[in-house]
Amino acid sequence: MLTSMNKDADIGRIGENIVTNEFLARGFLVTHLDKGTRGVSANADLMVGHPGLSRPALIQVKACHAPSSPDWIFLGALTEKALAGEEGIYNRKPGFKADYLAAVCVVNPRTYRTFILPIEDAQSIALTAFRKWHAHPTRAGEQRKVVPKMYLSVTPGKERTRASMHSRKIFDAARDELLKYEDAFGILTSGTVTLEPDQRDAMSAARGRTNRCAG
């Protein structure tokens, strides 16, 4: 069994394939939106269909490689304009717009965690946390710089070791919101998160999962 990945592995494609397989296992149909469709689908990676949907759903995948343990996810790039509310984090490019974000933390193809949430919810969670963090000065009393990429811990006790108590409170709140969407593939057809925490734990254990960034 593969327990590590080559340093040159395409983490973005691996993440897309993981999300694809999870959807397929639940009875969805999945189409990869590759280079040939980028003119109209630059904001999405997958198109997903299901008898319970009135139209296909577009998914943007953000994959993050965690070599030892799946404790962090990558939510995307942050800009000064996004922080100021002048543009969004997602769906910035012309063409079709993604409906959902699939954030995947990958140790290897068998060990990973997935989070499925509406684009609006992903943006709200990310911007709420990083705006609060950015508004709070550094320990030296200086204005924080805009972080180019947004990572959030999804495992209690795995926060940044040098983070202040104020920062930890901000990102702990964001983590608690994100955890509601772990393995929430059914949200596409139900419109709600249907798995309770103990159900998610049982599903992960049954699959034997302990579960670089792209997208």
Protein backbone atom coordinates (compact mmCIF):
# COMPACT_ATOMS: atom_id res chain seq x y z
CA MET A 1 0.00 0.00 0.00
CA LEU A 2 1.27 3.45 -0.93
CA THR A 3 2.10 5.38 2.26
CA SER A 4 3.90 8.39 0.78
CA MET A 5 3.80 10.41 -2.42
CA ASN A 6 6.42 11.52 -4.88
CA LYS A 7 7.39 15.15 -4.34
CA ASP A 8 6.45 15.90 -7.95
CA ALA A 9 3.00 14.30 -7.72
CA ASP A 10 0.17 16.40 -9.12
CA ILE A 11 -1.68 17.10 -5.87
CA GLY A 12 -4.40 19.01 -7.69
CA ARG A 13 -5.26 16.07 -9.93
CA ILE A 14 -5.04 13.64 -7.00
CA GLY A 15 -7.50 15.80 -5.08
CA GLU A 16 -9.90 15.91 -8.03
CA ASN A 17 -9.76 12.13 -8.37
CA ILE A 18 -10.41 11.61 -4.65
CA VAL A 19 -13.47 13.86 -4.78
CA THR A 20 -14.62 12.17 -8.00
CA ASN A 21 -14.40 8.71 -6.44
CA GLU A 22 -16.30 9.81 -3.34
CA PHE A 23 -19.12 11.23 -5.49
CA LEU A 24 -19.19 8.15 -7.73
CA ALA A 25 -19.46 5.88 -4.70
CA ARG A 26 -22.61 7.79 -3.71
CA GLY A 27 -24.32 7.39 -7.07
CA PHE A 28 -23.38 10.71 -8.66
CA LEU A 29 -22.14 11.16 -12.22
CA VAL A 30 -18.92 13.17 -12.54
CA THR A 31 -17.25 14.92 -15.47
CA HIS A 32 -13.79 16.47 -15.26
CA LEU A 33 -13.62 19.95 -16.72
CA ASP A 34 -10.19 19.86 -18.33
CA LYS A 35 -8.27 22.29 -20.53
CA GLY A 36 -10.72 21.98 -23.40
CA THR A 37 -13.46 23.61 -21.34
CA ARG A 38 -11.38 26.18 -19.47
CA GLY A 39 -12.78 29.03 -21.56
CA VAL A 40 -16.15 28.69 -19.83
CA SER A 41 -15.29 26.72 -16.69
CA ALA A 42 -12.16 28.38 -15.32
CA ASN A 43 -13.80 28.56 -11.87
CA ALA A 44 -14.63 24.86 -11.55
CA ASP A 45 -12.90 21.49 -11.84
CA LEU A 46 -15.79 19.01 -11.78
CA MET A 47 -19.37 18.88 -13.05
CA VAL A 48 -21.57 16.61 -10.96
CA GLY A 49 -24.99 15.17 -11.83
CA HIS A 50 -27.59 13.22 -9.87
CA PRO A 51 -31.28 12.32 -10.28
CA GLY A 52 -31.95 14.42 -7.19
CA LEU A 53 -30.52 17.56 -8.83
CA SER A 54 -32.47 19.83 -11.18
CA ARG A 55 -29.23 20.79 -12.93
CA PRO A 56 -25.57 19.75 -12.76
CA ALA A 57 -23.51 21.21 -9.92
CA LEU A 58 -20.07 22.71 -10.50
CA ILE A 59 -17.33 21.93 -7.98
CA GLN A 60 -14.07 23.76 -7.38
CA VAL A 61 -11.45 21.52 -5.77
CA LYS A 62 -8.70 22.79 -3.47
CA ALA A 63 -6.22 20.07 -2.56
CA CYS A 64 -3.52 20.28 0.08
CA HIS A 65 -0.73 17.77 0.70
CA ALA A 66 -0.16 16.97 4.37
CA PRO A 67 2.77 14.51 4.49
CA SER A 68 2.24 13.21 8.02
CA SER A 69 -1.37 13.81 9.07
CA PRO A 70 -4.49 15.40 7.47
CA ASP A 71 -4.76 18.31 9.88
CA TRP A 72 -4.89 21.32 7.53
CA ILE A 73 -6.91 22.37 4.50
CA PHE A 74 -6.24 24.95 1.82
CA LEU A 75 -9.12 27.36 1.16
CA GLY A 76 -7.59 29.40 -1.65
CA ALA A 77 -5.74 32.63 -2.30
CA LEU A 78 -6.50 35.88 -0.49
CA THR A 79 -6.08 39.34 -2.03
CA GLU A 80 -6.36 42.85 -0.64
CA LYS A 81 -9.46 43.38 -2.81
CA ALA A 82 -11.11 40.26 -1.41
CA LEU A 83 -10.26 41.33 2.13
CA ALA A 84 -11.85 44.72 1.42
CA GLY A 85 -14.95 43.16 -0.12
CA GLU A 86 -14.19 44.40 -3.62
CA GLU A 87 -13.99 40.91 -5.11
CA GLY A 88 -14.68 37.35 -4.07
CA ILE A 89 -12.28 34.59 -3.13
CA TYR A 90 -13.89 32.22 -5.61
CA ASN A 91 -15.46 32.60 -9.06
CA ARG A 92 -13.26 35.53 -10.00
CA LYS A 93 -12.84 34.53 -13.62
CA PRO A 94 -15.34 34.87 -16.49
CA GLY A 95 -17.51 31.87 -17.38
CA PHE A 96 -19.51 29.37 -15.36
CA LYS A 97 -19.42 29.78 -11.59
CA ALA A 98 -18.71 27.02 -9.08
CA ASP A 99 -21.57 26.08 -6.74
CA TYR A 100 -19.51 24.17 -4.18
CA LEU A 101 -16.00 23.99 -2.80
CA ALA A 102 -14.39 20.61 -2.20
CA ALA A 103 -11.38 21.04 0.09
CA VAL A 104 -9.19 17.95 0.38
CA CYS A 105 -6.30 17.32 2.74
CA VAL A 106 -4.22 14.46 1.32
CA VAL A 107 -1.58 12.38 3.07
CA ASN A 108 -1.65 9.77 0.29
CA PRO A 109 -4.37 8.42 -2.05
CA ARG A 110 -5.77 6.24 0.77
CA THR A 111 -5.44 8.70 3.64
CA TYR A 112 -7.28 12.00 3.37
CA ARG A 113 -10.14 14.18 4.61
CA THR A 114 -12.72 15.96 2.48
CA PHE A 115 -14.94 18.97 3.13
CA ILE A 116 -17.87 19.82 0.82
CA LEU A 117 -19.56 23.17 1.27
CA PRO A 118 -21.43 25.79 -0.75
CA ILE A 119 -19.16 28.44 -2.23
CA GLU A 120 -20.95 31.17 -0.27
CA ASP A 121 -20.34 29.33 3.01
CA ALA A 122 -16.68 28.72 2.16
CA GLN A 123 -16.18 32.40 1.42
CA SER A 124 -18.01 33.48 4.56
CA ILE A 125 -15.96 31.18 6.83
CA ALA A 126 -12.65 32.18 5.25
CA LEU A 127 -13.27 35.93 5.12
CA THR A 128 -14.75 36.12 8.61
CA ALA A 129 -11.66 34.47 10.08
CA PHE A 130 -9.00 36.24 8.07
CA ARG A 131 -10.60 39.67 8.35
CA LYS A 132 -10.65 39.35 12.14
CA TRP A 133 -7.08 38.09 12.14
CA HIS A 134 -5.88 40.81 9.76
CA ALA A 135 -7.58 43.56 11.81
CA HIS A 136 -5.70 42.50 14.95
CA PRO A 137 -2.13 43.90 15.04
CA THR A 138 0.95 41.73 15.41
CA ARG A 139 2.69 41.36 18.76
CA ALA A 140 4.94 44.21 17.66
CA GLY A 141 1.87 46.41 17.15
CA GLU A 142 2.17 46.41 13.35
CA GLN A 143 -0.49 45.92 10.69
CA ARG A 144 -0.59 42.35 9.43
CA LYS A 145 0.20 41.66 5.80
CA VAL A 146 -2.37 39.93 3.63
CA VAL A 147 -1.55 36.22 3.56
CA PRO A 148 -1.28 34.94 -0.03
CA LYS A 149 -2.79 31.54 0.75
CA MET A 150 -5.37 30.60 3.36
CA TYR A 151 -4.84 27.45 5.42
CA LEU A 152 -7.01 26.39 8.33
CA SER A 153 -6.43 23.68 10.90
CA VAL A 154 -9.20 21.06 11.00
CA THR A 155 -7.80 19.13 13.97
CA PRO A 156 -7.97 20.51 17.54
CA GLY A 157 -4.51 20.90 19.02
CA LYS A 158 -2.83 21.22 15.62
CA GLU A 159 -2.90 25.01 15.42
CA ARG A 160 0.16 27.09 14.61
CA THR A 161 2.47 26.73 17.59
CA ARG A 162 3.34 30.43 17.71
CA ALA A 163 -0.21 31.70 17.32
CA SER A 164 -1.49 34.05 20.02
CA MET A 165 -4.55 33.19 22.10
CA HIS A 166 -6.54 35.78 20.13
CA SER A 167 -5.56 34.18 16.82
CA ARG A 168 -6.37 30.70 18.12
CA LYS A 169 -9.87 31.78 19.12
CA ILE A 170 -10.48 33.19 15.64
CA PHE A 171 -9.30 30.09 13.81
CA ASP A 172 -10.86 27.67 16.30
CA ALA A 173 -14.24 29.23 15.50
CA ALA A 174 -13.56 28.84 11.76
CA ARG A 175 -12.53 25.20 12.27
CA ASP A 176 -15.72 24.44 14.18
CA GLU A 177 -17.74 25.81 11.25
CA LEU A 178 -15.74 23.82 8.70
CA LEU A 179 -16.11 20.53 10.58
CA LYS A 180 -19.86 20.65 9.95
CA TYR A 181 -19.08 20.05 6.28
CA GLU A 182 -16.69 17.12 6.57
CA ASP A 183 -17.77 14.36 4.16
CA ALA A 184 -20.95 16.36 3.44
CA PHE A 185 -21.39 15.02 -0.10
CA GLY A 186 -25.13 14.67 0.45
CA ILE A 187 -25.51 18.44 0.77
CA LEU A 188 -25.81 18.64 -3.03
CA THR A 189 -29.11 16.76 -3.07
CA SER A 190 -30.50 17.56 0.38
CA GLY A 191 -29.42 21.18 0.70
CA THR A 192 -28.38 20.48 4.29
CA VAL A 193 -25.53 18.76 6.09
CA THR A 194 -26.95 15.35 6.90
CA LEU A 195 -24.10 13.59 8.73
CA GLU A 196 -23.67 14.11 12.45
CA PRO A 197 -20.11 14.04 13.90
CA ASP A 198 -20.44 10.46 15.21
CA GLN A 199 -21.67 9.32 11.79
CA ARG A 200 -18.69 10.96 10.09
CA ASP A 201 -16.33 9.26 12.54
CA ALA A 202 -17.92 5.88 11.87
CA MET A 203 -17.71 6.36 8.10
CA SER A 204 -14.03 7.35 8.28
CA ALA A 205 -13.20 4.41 10.53
CA ALA A 206 -15.02 1.98 8.25
CA ARG A 207 -12.99 3.17 5.28
CA GLY A 208 -9.76 2.85 7.27
CA ARG A 209 -8.87 6.48 6.62
CA THR A 210 -6.86 8.64 8.91
CA ASN A 211 -7.31 10.91 6.21
CA ARG A 212 1.31 20.73 -1.42
CA CYS A 213 -1.67 22.78 -2.38
CA ALA A 214 -3.43 23.29 -5.67
CA GLY A 215 -6.57 24.73 -7.15
